[in-house]
Protein backbone atom coordinates (compact mmCIF):
# COMPACT_ATOMS: atom_id res chain seq x y z
CA MET A 1 0.19 0.13 -0.18
CA THR A 2 1.08 3.45 -0.50
CA VAL A 3 -0.67 6.15 2.09
CA ILE A 4 -1.45 9.86 1.16
CA TRP A 5 -1.66 12.00 4.25
CA PHE A 6 -3.78 14.97 4.16
CA ARG A 7 -2.93 18.06 6.09
CA ARG A 8 -4.08 21.42 4.63
CA ASP A 9 -4.36 20.31 1.12
CA LEU A 10 -7.90 19.20 0.75
CA ARG A 11 -8.11 18.59 -2.37
CA ILE A 12 -7.76 16.35 -5.28
CA GLU A 13 -7.11 18.86 -8.63
CA ASP A 14 -3.67 20.24 -8.43
CA ASN A 15 -2.27 17.99 -5.18
CA PRO A 16 1.19 17.21 -6.15
CA ALA A 17 1.61 14.61 -3.26
CA LEU A 18 -1.66 12.69 -4.36
CA THR A 19 -0.42 12.74 -7.99
CA ALA A 20 2.94 11.28 -6.85
CA ALA A 21 1.21 8.35 -4.72
CA VAL A 22 -1.07 7.46 -7.27
CA ALA A 23 1.79 7.24 -10.06
CA SER A 24 3.84 4.78 -7.41
CA GLY A 25 2.24 2.20 -9.13
CA ARG A 26 1.21 0.65 -5.80
CA PRO A 27 -2.90 0.81 -4.25
CA VAL A 28 -3.54 4.04 -2.61
CA ILE A 29 -5.16 4.97 1.11
CA ALA A 30 -5.86 8.38 2.16
CA LEU A 31 -5.25 9.18 5.80
CA TYR A 32 -6.24 12.56 8.03
CA ILE A 33 -4.78 12.88 11.37
CA SER A 34 -7.03 15.26 13.72
CA SER A 35 -5.04 16.58 16.46
CA PRO A 36 -7.67 18.99 18.68
CA ALA A 37 -4.93 19.36 21.44
CA GLN A 38 -2.46 20.37 19.23
CA TRP A 39 -5.32 22.92 17.10
CA GLN A 40 -6.44 24.21 20.58
CA HIS A 41 -2.53 24.69 21.37
CA HIS A 42 -2.08 27.19 18.16
CA HIS A 43 -5.67 28.79 18.77
CA VAL A 44 -7.09 27.18 15.80
CA ALA A 45 -10.51 28.75 15.37
CA PRO A 46 -13.88 26.95 15.84
CA ILE A 47 -15.26 28.37 12.81
CA GLN A 48 -12.04 26.97 10.71
CA LEU A 49 -12.48 23.71 12.04
CA ASP A 50 -16.31 23.51 10.72
CA LEU A 51 -14.90 24.31 7.51
CA THR A 52 -12.23 21.66 7.85
CA GLU A 53 -15.00 18.91 8.67
CA ARG A 54 -17.05 19.87 5.76
CA ALA A 55 -14.04 19.57 3.04
CA LEU A 56 -12.93 16.51 4.66
CA ASN A 57 -16.32 14.96 4.13
CA LEU A 58 -16.69 16.01 0.85
CA LEU A 59 -12.82 15.10 0.22
CA SER A 60 -13.60 11.31 1.14
CA HIS A 61 -16.47 11.38 -1.31
CA GLN A 62 -14.10 12.32 -4.15
CA LEU A 63 -11.60 10.10 -3.07
CA ALA A 64 -13.81 7.04 -3.30
CA GLY A 65 -15.01 8.23 -6.76
CA ILE A 66 -10.91 7.55 -7.73
CA GLY A 67 -10.90 4.86 -5.92
CA ILE A 68 -9.50 5.87 -2.83
CA PRO A 69 -10.67 5.24 1.01
CA LEU A 70 -9.94 7.80 3.32
CA HIS A 71 -9.40 6.92 6.92
CA HIS A 72 -9.33 8.87 9.97
CA LEU A 73 -7.39 8.89 12.97
CA VAL A 74 -7.08 11.18 15.77
CA VAL A 75 -4.13 11.88 17.95
CA PRO A 76 -4.40 14.76 19.87
CA TRP A 77 -0.42 15.95 19.94
CA TYR A 78 1.80 16.31 17.26
CA ARG A 79 4.36 14.43 19.42
CA ASP A 80 2.63 11.73 19.08
CA ILE A 81 1.76 11.43 15.32
CA PRO A 82 5.10 9.55 14.17
CA ALA A 83 4.02 6.41 16.64
CA ALA A 84 0.75 6.18 15.30
CA LEU A 85 1.42 6.67 11.66
CA GLN A 86 4.11 3.92 12.07
CA GLN A 87 1.37 1.58 13.45
CA PHE A 88 -1.09 2.73 10.80
CA CYS A 89 1.46 1.78 8.03
CA HIS A 90 2.05 -1.45 9.92
CA GLN A 91 -1.25 -2.12 9.85
CA HIS A 92 -2.21 -1.35 6.28
CA GLN A 93 1.45 -3.01 5.09
CA SER A 94 2.92 0.02 3.96
CA GLN A 95 6.36 1.63 3.94
CA ARG A 96 5.42 5.27 2.16
CA VAL A 97 3.70 7.88 2.69
CA PHE A 98 3.21 10.87 0.68
CA ALA A 99 2.22 14.25 1.86
CA ASN A 100 2.65 18.15 0.93
CA ARG A 101 4.72 19.68 2.90
CA ASP A 102 4.07 22.25 5.72
CA HIS A 103 6.46 25.18 6.60
CA GLU A 104 5.79 26.19 10.02
CA VAL A 105 7.75 24.69 12.60
CA ASN A 106 6.52 22.27 14.88
CA GLU A 107 4.39 20.81 11.82
CA SER A 108 8.44 20.67 10.39
CA GLN A 109 9.74 19.00 13.43
CA ARG A 110 6.68 17.17 13.05
CA ASP A 111 7.56 15.29 9.78
CA GLN A 112 11.09 15.28 10.63
CA GLN A 113 10.15 13.15 13.93
CA VAL A 114 8.10 10.51 10.95
CA ALA A 115 11.12 9.81 9.15
CA ALA A 116 12.91 9.63 11.95
CA SER A 117 10.87 6.63 13.39
CA GLY A 118 11.59 4.51 10.04
CA VAL A 119 8.42 5.62 7.50
CA GLU A 120 9.62 6.64 4.61
CA LEU A 121 8.17 10.63 4.02
CA SER A 122 7.67 12.03 0.91
CA LEU A 123 6.92 15.55 0.74
CA HIS A 124 6.04 17.65 -1.95
CA HIS A 125 5.41 21.47 -2.56
CA GLY A 126 1.92 21.89 -2.91
CA ASP A 127 1.21 25.38 -0.86
CA CYS A 128 3.38 28.14 -2.67
CA LEU A 129 3.90 28.87 -6.40
CA VAL A 130 7.74 28.71 -5.74
CA PRO A 131 8.86 26.54 -2.95
CA PRO A 132 10.27 28.60 0.06
CA GLY A 133 13.61 28.75 0.13
CA SER A 134 14.22 29.04 -3.73
CA VAL A 135 13.71 33.02 -4.21
CA THR A 136 16.81 34.56 -2.72
CA THR A 137 18.83 37.62 -3.34
CA GLY A 138 22.75 37.23 -5.24
CA SER A 139 24.37 35.89 -2.14
CA ASP A 140 21.90 33.14 -2.01
CA THR A 141 19.99 34.84 0.92
CA MET A 142 16.09 35.59 1.39
CA TYR A 143 15.03 38.89 0.80
CA ARG A 144 14.22 41.43 3.42
CA VAL A 145 12.30 43.78 1.66
CA PHE A 146 9.05 42.68 -0.46
CA THR A 147 9.65 44.40 -3.57
CA PRO A 148 12.09 42.79 -5.04
CA PHE A 149 11.22 39.47 -3.81
CA ARG A 150 8.27 39.81 -5.92
CA ARG A 151 10.78 40.91 -8.87
CA ARG A 152 12.64 37.64 -8.08
CA TRP A 153 9.23 35.63 -7.55
CA LEU A 154 8.03 36.87 -10.78
CA GLN A 155 10.70 35.55 -12.78
CA LYS A 156 10.17 32.03 -11.05
CA VAL A 157 6.65 31.96 -11.60
CA GLN A 158 7.05 33.03 -15.25
CA LEU A 159 9.86 29.89 -15.35
CA THR A 160 7.34 27.42 -13.78
CA LEU A 161 4.25 28.02 -15.41
CA ALA A 162 2.33 24.80 -15.95
CA ASP A 163 -1.58 23.78 -15.82
CA PRO A 164 -2.75 22.51 -12.88
CA LEU A 165 -2.56 19.01 -12.37
CA PRO A 166 -5.73 17.20 -13.11
CA ALA A 167 -7.38 14.92 -10.57
CA PRO A 168 -5.53 11.34 -10.85
CA VAL A 169 -7.30 7.98 -11.04
CA ALA A 170 -6.29 5.22 -8.58
CA GLY A 171 -8.80 2.82 -9.56
CA PRO A 172 -12.56 1.72 -9.61
CA PRO A 173 -14.46 3.94 -7.39
CA VAL A 174 -14.96 2.25 -3.73
CA ALA A 175 -17.24 3.10 -1.18
CA SER A 176 -16.97 6.47 0.77
CA SER A 177 -16.10 6.43 4.45
CA ALA A 178 -18.12 6.56 7.13
CA LEU A 179 -19.03 10.57 7.99
CA ILE A 180 -15.50 12.03 9.86
CA ARG A 181 -16.47 14.45 12.69
CA LEU A 182 -13.70 16.33 14.16
CA PRO A 183 -13.72 16.11 18.35
CA VAL A 184 -13.68 19.59 18.83
CA ASP A 185 -15.97 22.41 19.30
CA SER A 186 -16.96 24.15 16.13
CA VAL A 187 -19.17 27.21 14.91
CA CYS A 188 -21.06 26.84 11.86
CA SER A 189 -19.30 27.58 8.62
CA GLY A 190 -22.62 27.02 6.75
CA ALA A 191 -22.34 30.71 4.92
CA TRP A 192 -19.50 29.65 3.11
CA GLU A 193 -19.08 27.06 0.04
CA VAL A 194 -17.83 23.75 0.27
CA SER A 195 -18.20 21.82 -2.85
CA ALA A 196 -14.70 22.00 -5.55
CA GLU A 197 -17.06 22.99 -8.34
CA GLY A 198 -18.66 25.66 -5.98
CA ILE A 199 -15.11 27.34 -4.97
CA GLY A 200 -14.49 27.07 -8.72
CA ARG A 201 -17.49 29.20 -9.31
CA LEU A 202 -16.07 31.69 -7.20
CA LEU A 203 -12.76 32.32 -8.42
CA ALA A 204 -14.23 32.49 -11.85
CA GLU A 205 -16.82 34.73 -11.04
CA PHE A 206 -14.20 36.85 -9.46
CA VAL A 207 -11.88 36.84 -12.60
CA ASP A 208 -14.63 37.09 -14.93
CA HIS A 209 -15.94 40.17 -13.29
CA ARG A 210 -14.19 41.95 -10.70
CA VAL A 211 -10.74 41.27 -10.95
CA ASP A 212 -9.76 44.18 -13.40
CA HIS A 213 -11.35 46.54 -10.54
CA TYR A 214 -9.76 45.21 -8.09
CA HIS A 215 -6.95 47.63 -7.55
CA GLN A 216 -9.76 50.22 -7.43
CA GLN A 217 -12.30 47.97 -5.09
CA ARG A 218 -10.12 46.22 -2.59
CA ASP A 219 -9.77 49.02 0.05
CA LEU A 220 -13.49 49.47 0.23
CA PRO A 221 -15.37 47.43 2.83
CA ALA A 222 -18.63 47.96 1.83
CA VAL A 223 -17.76 46.42 -2.09
CA ASP A 224 -17.45 43.14 -2.79
CA GLY A 225 -14.14 43.84 -4.38
CA THR A 226 -12.45 41.20 -3.27
CA SER A 227 -11.48 37.21 -3.89
CA ARG A 228 -12.91 35.81 -0.52
CA LEU A 229 -11.12 32.66 -1.28
CA SER A 230 -8.58 33.13 1.51
CA PRO A 231 -9.93 30.70 3.87
CA TYR A 232 -9.81 27.55 0.82
CA LEU A 233 -6.52 28.78 0.04
CA ALA A 234 -5.90 28.21 3.79
CA LEU A 235 -6.98 24.76 3.81
CA GLY A 236 -5.40 24.02 0.48
CA MET A 237 -8.94 23.37 -0.78
CA ILE A 238 -7.50 25.29 -3.90
CA SER A 239 -4.02 25.87 -5.06
CA PRO A 240 -2.74 29.24 -5.75
CA ARG A 241 -1.45 27.71 -9.19
CA GLN A 242 -5.45 26.95 -9.93
CA CYS A 243 -5.49 30.80 -9.07
CA LEU A 244 -3.44 31.80 -11.63
CA HIS A 245 -4.12 29.49 -14.17
CA GLN A 246 -7.36 31.31 -14.05
CA LEU A 247 -6.32 34.83 -13.90
CA LEU A 248 -3.83 34.08 -17.16
CA GLN A 249 -6.25 32.83 -18.91
CA ARG A 250 -8.61 36.26 -18.37
CA ALA A 251 -5.43 38.17 -18.31
CA PRO A 252 -2.33 36.56 -19.64
CA TRP A 253 -0.45 40.22 -19.49
CA ALA A 254 -1.33 40.15 -15.71
CA LEU A 255 2.18 39.04 -14.58
CA GLU A 256 3.58 42.24 -16.06
CA HIS A 257 1.21 45.07 -16.14
CA SER A 258 1.37 46.44 -12.54
CA ALA A 259 -1.25 49.37 -12.35
CA SER A 260 -4.06 46.91 -13.05
CA GLY A 261 -6.18 45.13 -11.19
CA PRO A 262 -5.18 41.59 -11.91
CA PHE A 263 -1.46 42.46 -11.20
CA THR A 264 -2.29 43.68 -7.60
CA TRP A 265 -4.29 40.27 -7.00
CA LEU A 266 -1.56 38.22 -7.88
CA SER A 267 0.59 40.57 -5.85
CA GLU A 268 -1.72 39.32 -2.80
CA LEU A 269 -0.58 35.87 -4.14
CA ALA A 270 3.01 37.16 -3.94
CA TRP A 271 2.61 38.77 0.06
CA ARG A 272 0.95 35.16 0.91
CA GLU A 273 3.67 33.77 -0.08
CA PHE A 274 6.70 36.22 1.08
CA TYR A 275 5.46 35.66 4.73
CA ARG A 276 5.76 31.96 3.95
CA HIS A 277 9.76 32.37 2.81
CA LEU A 278 10.24 34.35 6.07
CA ILE A 279 8.93 31.98 8.59
CA VAL A 280 11.28 29.31 6.93
CA ALA A 281 14.17 31.54 6.45
CA TRP A 282 13.81 32.61 10.13
CA PRO A 283 11.65 29.75 12.34
CA LYS A 284 11.77 31.96 15.21
CA LEU A 285 8.63 33.66 14.07
CA CYS A 286 7.16 30.63 14.78
CA LYS A 287 7.72 30.66 18.29
CA GLY A 288 6.11 34.42 19.48
CA LYS A 289 9.55 36.62 18.71
CA ASN A 290 9.96 40.04 16.48
CA PHE A 291 11.42 39.94 13.51
CA ASN A 292 13.51 43.18 14.14
CA PRO A 293 15.03 42.68 17.70
CA LEU A 294 14.15 46.39 18.36
CA GLY A 295 10.87 45.85 18.94
CA ASP A 296 11.67 43.54 22.08
CA ASN A 297 12.20 46.97 23.64
CA ILE A 298 8.48 48.60 22.95
CA GLN A 299 6.80 48.78 26.33
CA TRP A 300 3.24 47.40 25.92
CA ASN A 301 0.42 48.35 27.99
CA ASP A 302 -0.94 46.11 30.42
CA ARG A 303 -4.96 46.78 29.86
CA PRO A 304 -7.37 43.59 29.77
CA ASP A 305 -9.99 46.48 29.72
CA LEU A 306 -8.88 48.16 26.76
CA PHE A 307 -8.20 44.58 25.11
CA GLN A 308 -11.44 43.67 26.11
CA ALA A 309 -13.19 46.74 24.52
CA TRP A 310 -11.21 45.96 20.79
CA CYS A 311 -12.49 42.56 21.28
CA GLN A 312 -15.76 43.57 21.26
CA GLY A 313 -15.64 46.25 19.07
CA ARG A 314 -16.36 48.35 21.65
CA THR A 315 -13.37 51.05 21.49
CA GLY A 316 -16.10 53.92 20.46
CA TYR A 317 -13.81 54.22 17.09
CA PRO A 318 -17.14 53.25 14.45
CA LEU A 319 -14.65 51.67 11.51
CA VAL A 320 -12.19 50.06 14.35
CA ASP A 321 -15.24 48.60 15.95
CA ALA A 322 -17.34 47.33 12.84
CA GLY A 323 -14.18 45.51 11.89
CA MET A 324 -14.21 43.79 14.85
CA ARG A 325 -18.03 42.98 15.18
CA GLN A 326 -17.61 41.39 11.03
CA LEU A 327 -15.05 38.93 12.63
CA GLN A 328 -16.83 37.95 15.44
CA HIS A 329 -20.62 37.57 13.21
CA THR A 330 -18.74 36.46 10.05
CA GLY A 331 -15.30 34.80 10.91
CA TRP A 332 -13.71 36.86 8.43
CA MET A 333 -12.87 40.31 8.35
CA HIS A 334 -11.69 42.82 5.05
CA ASN A 335 -8.03 43.40 4.65
CA ARG A 336 -7.88 47.09 4.81
CA LEU A 337 -9.84 46.29 8.18
CA ARG A 338 -7.52 43.72 9.62
CA MET A 339 -4.80 46.57 8.87
CA VAL A 340 -7.13 49.40 10.57
CA THR A 341 -7.84 47.23 13.80
CA ALA A 342 -4.19 45.79 14.14
CA SER A 343 -2.78 49.06 13.91
CA PHE A 344 -4.89 50.73 16.43
CA LEU A 345 -4.56 47.97 18.80
CA SER A 346 -0.74 47.78 18.78
CA LYS A 347 -0.54 51.23 18.06
CA ASN A 348 -3.06 53.68 19.82
CA LEU A 349 -3.73 51.13 23.16
CA LEU A 350 -0.30 50.30 22.60
CA ILE A 351 -1.08 46.37 23.38
CA ASP A 352 1.25 43.49 22.66
CA TRP A 353 0.55 42.53 18.81
CA ARG A 354 0.88 39.05 19.60
CA LEU A 355 -2.55 38.99 21.56
CA GLY A 356 -4.35 40.32 18.52
CA GLU A 357 -2.38 37.68 16.73
CA ARG A 358 -3.80 35.28 18.49
CA TRP A 359 -7.38 36.68 18.55
CA PHE A 360 -7.66 37.00 15.15
CA SER A 361 -6.33 33.23 14.66
CA GLN A 362 -9.02 32.38 17.34
CA HIS A 363 -11.64 33.77 15.33
CA LEU A 364 -10.82 33.56 11.29
CA ILE A 365 -12.40 30.94 9.04
CA ASP A 366 -8.88 32.11 7.06
CA GLY A 367 -6.49 31.60 9.92
CA ASP A 368 -2.78 31.34 8.06
CA PHE A 369 -0.09 31.41 10.85
CA ALA A 370 2.18 32.78 8.23
CA ALA A 371 0.07 35.63 6.84
CA ASN A 372 -1.41 36.41 10.06
CA ASN A 373 1.87 36.85 11.86
CA GLY A 374 3.13 38.51 8.82
CA GLY A 375 0.13 40.62 8.50
CA TRP A 376 0.75 41.94 12.54
CA GLN A 377 4.36 42.51 12.48
CA TRP A 378 3.54 45.02 9.76
CA CYS A 379 1.27 46.75 11.68
CA ALA A 380 3.34 46.93 14.75
CA SER A 381 6.38 47.85 12.85
CA THR A 382 8.42 44.41 14.25
CA GLY A 383 8.19 42.56 11.47
CA CYS A 384 10.31 42.11 8.14
CA ASP A 385 9.69 45.11 5.68
CA ALA A 386 7.03 46.79 8.30
CA GLN A 387 5.63 49.76 7.97
CA PRO A 388 7.62 52.84 9.45
CA TYR A 389 7.73 52.85 13.24
CA PHE A 390 5.94 56.52 13.32
CA ARG A 391 3.37 55.31 11.05
CA LEU A 392 -0.25 54.93 12.80
CA PHE A 393 -3.56 53.99 10.58
CA ASN A 394 -6.18 56.88 11.53
CA PRO A 395 -9.11 54.75 11.96
CA ILE A 396 -11.42 58.18 11.34
CA ARG A 397 -9.26 59.14 8.21
CA GLN A 398 -9.61 55.25 7.08
CA SER A 399 -13.43 55.86 7.63
CA GLU A 400 -13.90 58.57 5.70
CA LYS A 401 -11.76 57.38 2.67
CA PHE A 402 -12.53 53.99 2.45
CA ASP A 403 -16.44 54.01 3.93
CA PRO A 404 -16.87 57.38 2.94
CA GLN A 405 -20.83 57.10 3.10
CA GLY A 406 -20.11 54.72 6.05
CA ASP A 407 -22.44 51.63 4.55
CA PHE A 408 -20.06 49.17 6.37
CA ILE A 409 -20.51 50.85 9.84
CA ARG A 410 -24.08 51.14 9.62
CA ARG A 411 -23.93 47.33 8.59
CA TYR A 412 -21.99 46.15 11.78
CA VAL A 413 -22.87 49.34 14.11
CA PRO A 414 -26.15 49.81 13.78
CA GLU A 415 -26.13 52.04 17.07
CA LEU A 416 -24.92 55.04 14.27
CA SER A 417 -27.45 54.00 11.21
CA ASP A 418 -29.37 57.45 12.45
CA LEU A 419 -25.81 59.41 12.28
CA ASP A 420 -25.47 61.38 8.78
CA ASN A 421 -22.15 60.56 6.55
CA LYS A 422 -19.93 63.23 7.83
CA MET A 423 -20.82 62.63 11.56
CA ILE A 424 -20.93 58.74 11.46
CA HIS A 425 -17.37 58.00 11.08
CA MET A 426 -16.65 59.68 14.89
CA PRO A 427 -19.84 60.99 16.48
CA SER A 428 -19.57 64.18 19.08
CA ASP A 429 -20.52 64.03 22.44
CA ARG A 430 -23.98 65.34 22.09
CA GLN A 431 -24.77 63.10 18.89
CA ARG A 432 -22.89 60.10 20.23
CA PRO A 433 -26.18 57.54 20.82
CA ALA A 434 -26.24 56.52 24.73
CA ASP A 435 -25.33 52.82 24.00
CA TYR A 436 -22.24 53.46 22.17
CA PRO A 437 -19.16 53.70 24.13
CA ALA A 438 -16.97 56.97 24.13
CA PRO A 439 -13.40 56.72 22.87
CA VAL A 440 -11.26 54.66 24.94
CA VAL A 441 -8.29 57.09 24.19
CA ASP A 442 -8.07 60.12 22.69
CA TYR A 443 -6.65 59.64 19.34
CA ARG A 444 -3.75 62.41 19.31
CA GLN A 445 -2.54 61.63 22.66
CA SER A 446 -2.17 58.04 22.11
CA ARG A 447 -0.80 58.96 18.78
CA GLU A 448 2.30 61.20 20.55
CA LEU A 449 2.42 57.89 23.50
CA ALA A 450 3.15 55.63 20.61
CA LEU A 451 5.87 58.13 19.04
CA SER A 452 7.53 57.83 22.05
CA ARG A 453 7.23 54.47 23.02
CA PHE A 454 8.26 53.33 19.51
CA SER A 455 11.11 55.48 19.21
CA VAL A 456 13.63 52.53 20.75
CA MET A 457 12.85 50.94 16.75
CA LYS A 458 15.05 53.72 15.53
CA LYS A 459 18.20 52.73 14.24
CA GLY A 460 21.58 52.46 15.94
CA LYS A 461 19.38 53.59 18.91
């Protein structure tokens, strides 16, 4: 037997490990391992686990159609997986396991321990267009600035363009596995599509009708201007190569025309891969460390009351509160608002970015460690190629610029729905409804304090 071990690659199309397993010429069985204790330790969101469960049951049906039964094991911690996998292989007379590579430290250590246990583990690259570690400077080091990374990344992408892999066929159809239930508490993800056909339609609809305006509309939270494919990329229900292929079918010039919606969306895929390359080059990022060691000198506030006001969308800053409530209600947040809310927590409230990173991870349906960590450190000015320490997102100006009519605020902060389009961005004391809180900090004063506290980030100080 050959084993295909699914992790965050819950698809049968464009799955290099699955294709290689079928090509091995031996009968193939599939395996998924639930690790509930490890997931809790990693703060995986209940809504993402619900989407995972739904995706697994669909995957079981798809695999049965190509002749591969799916088995499910529950192994609470990663450290116990090598022994469990060794036993599973012994029971099924298998010595070889195929899987797509994971890049985080705990996952990499798990795979190293599996290989050391005697299981022949064949790892493949299915999560990035360009494998981490292969985009380097002339001195063979990882880039520390995104723009030159993207330039080199685009060159690599152009040299390795290939159509997505079709779903392989291992044999005649077999019976689907029993219904899979993950041993975790979950939050319903039913508002999100789960079928491969449905996800394909979402991608096609975005590419056909919205990507041309992506660079103009992606920052407007009240407009449906983004792809909303991030949950499916996070779980591997769709691959970046499938996204690129569909994009180039519609806009073959997307790799070169920088002042366009297609190129801007492609740049977002590049940012996703930049952060993956970073955690491979600097594993300390997976251990709660600042990329820039100067960030270790920042004096953070210990204010649980302010943190809770931020978590619950009760800061008195309407756009911040709207974004945080969108996260609570939907398990997703518009990217512009992720930046606004992260900047507000780390700089205006001066609360350690790691607390915000954890809160996002615990609630995001598209939770993805590399992207979440990279985004938070960018906003907190402690990361690689982060925004300068002296820059803060002014939540009032951001609101006036990107939600000028207050449509998004009214959707998630209905207490303010009766205010006019000017006052809704920051109601005065006289016009603020009784059920909406006053600002938890004065913006100007908090900005001055942030500039003082973050001055330790000055180079050479």
